[in-house]
Amino acid sequence: MKRVVLYTGFFIVLACDSDRPTKESLVLDYYNKKVESLRLEKDQDCREKAIIKAETYVDSLVDRWINTDLLDTINFPPKPNKPQAPEPVIGKVKKFEIDMKD
């Protein structure tokens, strides 16, 4: 009987060990890891977009330098920017009727 009490007491002491992490600390660790991984993913996307924009800008600079160095006497203006979207015309034009009398 003493052994049962001794083993039970031993297991109770082990069960009350405070070295184990709490649920809140585990959730907080998981949250911090998730935030860090998402931050790294967004950072990588931002860097890729910046590289693409930089390549486009450098290409346009090289194109300008080449066009100014050409011996051609015709200097073409740069292309105009493409409009975002046409304006809607529905509701802006009044209806009119055509008389079909001969």
Protein backbone atom coordinates (compact mmCIF):
# COMPACT_ATOMS: atom_id res chain seq x y z
CA MET A 1 0.00 0.00 0.00
CA LYS A 2 2.87 2.32 0.78
CA ARG A 3 4.24 1.77 -2.71
CA VAL A 4 0.95 2.79 -4.32
CA VAL A 5 0.88 5.98 -2.26
CA LEU A 6 4.54 6.62 -3.04
CA TYR A 7 4.05 6.09 -6.78
CA THR A 8 0.89 8.19 -6.78
CA GLY A 9 2.69 11.02 -5.00
CA PHE A 10 5.62 10.75 -7.39
CA PHE A 11 3.35 10.99 -10.44
CA ILE A 12 1.45 13.91 -8.93
CA VAL A 13 4.72 15.78 -8.40
CA LEU A 14 5.72 15.06 -12.01
CA ALA A 15 2.31 16.16 -13.26
CA CYS A 16 2.60 19.48 -11.45
CA ASP A 17 5.93 20.30 -13.09
CA SER A 18 5.86 23.93 -14.24
CA ASP A 19 8.50 23.54 -16.98
CA ARG A 20 5.90 22.67 -19.57
CA PRO A 21 4.68 25.53 -21.74
CA THR A 22 1.19 26.83 -21.21
CA LYS A 23 -1.48 26.86 -23.88
CA GLU A 24 -1.26 30.64 -24.16
CA SER A 25 2.48 30.57 -24.77
CA LEU A 26 2.08 27.86 -27.44
CA VAL A 27 -0.63 29.90 -29.20
CA LEU A 28 1.53 33.02 -29.00
CA ASP A 29 4.54 31.16 -30.43
CA TYR A 30 2.43 29.78 -33.29
CA TYR A 31 0.99 33.24 -33.96
CA ASN A 32 4.45 34.84 -34.04
CA LYS A 33 5.77 32.18 -36.42
CA LYS A 34 2.77 32.66 -38.72
CA VAL A 35 3.16 36.45 -38.69
CA GLU A 36 6.86 36.14 -39.49
CA SER A 37 6.24 33.73 -42.37
CA LEU A 38 3.56 36.02 -43.85
CA ARG A 39 5.86 39.03 -43.44
CA LEU A 40 8.64 37.23 -45.28
CA GLU A 41 6.22 36.21 -48.04
CA LYS A 42 4.97 39.79 -48.48
CA ASP A 43 8.56 41.07 -48.42
CA GLN A 44 9.52 38.65 -51.19
CA ASP A 45 6.50 39.69 -53.29
CA CYS A 46 7.37 43.36 -52.78
CA ARG A 47 10.98 42.76 -53.82
CA GLU A 48 9.90 40.91 -56.97
CA LYS A 49 7.53 43.74 -57.94
CA ALA A 50 10.27 46.31 -57.33
CA ILE A 51 12.69 44.36 -59.52
CA ILE A 52 10.13 44.17 -62.34
CA LYS A 53 9.47 47.94 -62.11
CA ALA A 54 13.21 48.66 -62.07
CA GLU A 55 13.80 46.47 -65.13
CA THR A 56 11.01 48.25 -67.00
CA TYR A 57 12.41 51.66 -66.06
CA VAL A 58 15.94 50.70 -67.11
CA ASP A 59 14.62 49.33 -70.41
CA SER A 60 12.84 52.61 -71.10
CA LEU A 61 16.01 54.58 -70.27
CA VAL A 62 18.09 52.44 -72.61
CA ASP A 63 15.47 52.88 -75.32
CA ARG A 64 15.61 56.67 -74.92
CA TRP A 65 19.41 56.70 -75.02
CA ILE A 66 19.44 54.58 -78.16
CA ASN A 67 16.82 56.76 -79.86
CA THR A 68 18.76 59.95 -79.11
CA ASP A 69 22.00 58.45 -80.39
CA LEU A 70 20.55 57.30 -83.69
CA LEU A 71 21.56 59.26 -86.77
CA ASP A 72 17.96 59.36 -87.90
CA THR A 73 16.67 62.91 -88.25
CA ILE A 74 13.09 62.00 -87.40
CA ASN A 75 12.44 62.30 -83.71
CA PHE A 76 9.23 60.47 -82.90
CA PRO A 77 7.35 61.60 -79.80
CA PRO A 78 6.81 59.03 -77.06
CA LYS A 79 3.58 57.04 -77.14
CA PRO A 80 0.73 58.58 -75.13
CA ASN A 81 -0.47 56.81 -72.02
CA LYS A 82 -3.37 54.45 -72.50
CA PRO A 83 -6.60 55.72 -70.87
CA GLN A 84 -7.90 53.75 -67.92
CA ALA A 85 -11.43 53.17 -69.21
CA PRO A 86 -13.85 54.98 -71.51
CA GLU A 87 -16.51 57.13 -69.96
CA PRO A 88 -20.01 55.61 -69.90
CA VAL A 89 -22.40 57.10 -72.43
CA ILE A 90 -25.62 55.60 -71.14
CA GLY A 91 -27.78 58.34 -69.72
CA LYS A 92 -25.72 61.16 -71.23
CA VAL A 93 -27.34 61.18 -74.66
CA LYS A 94 -30.99 62.18 -75.04
CA LYS A 95 -33.28 59.91 -77.01
CA PHE A 96 -34.60 61.25 -80.25
CA GLU A 97 -37.28 59.98 -82.57
CA ILE A 98 -37.10 59.79 -86.35
CA ASP A 99 -40.17 60.60 -88.41
CA MET A 100 -40.65 57.90 -91.04
CA LYS A 101 -43.25 59.87 -93.05
CA ASP A 102 -42.72 59.89 -96.83
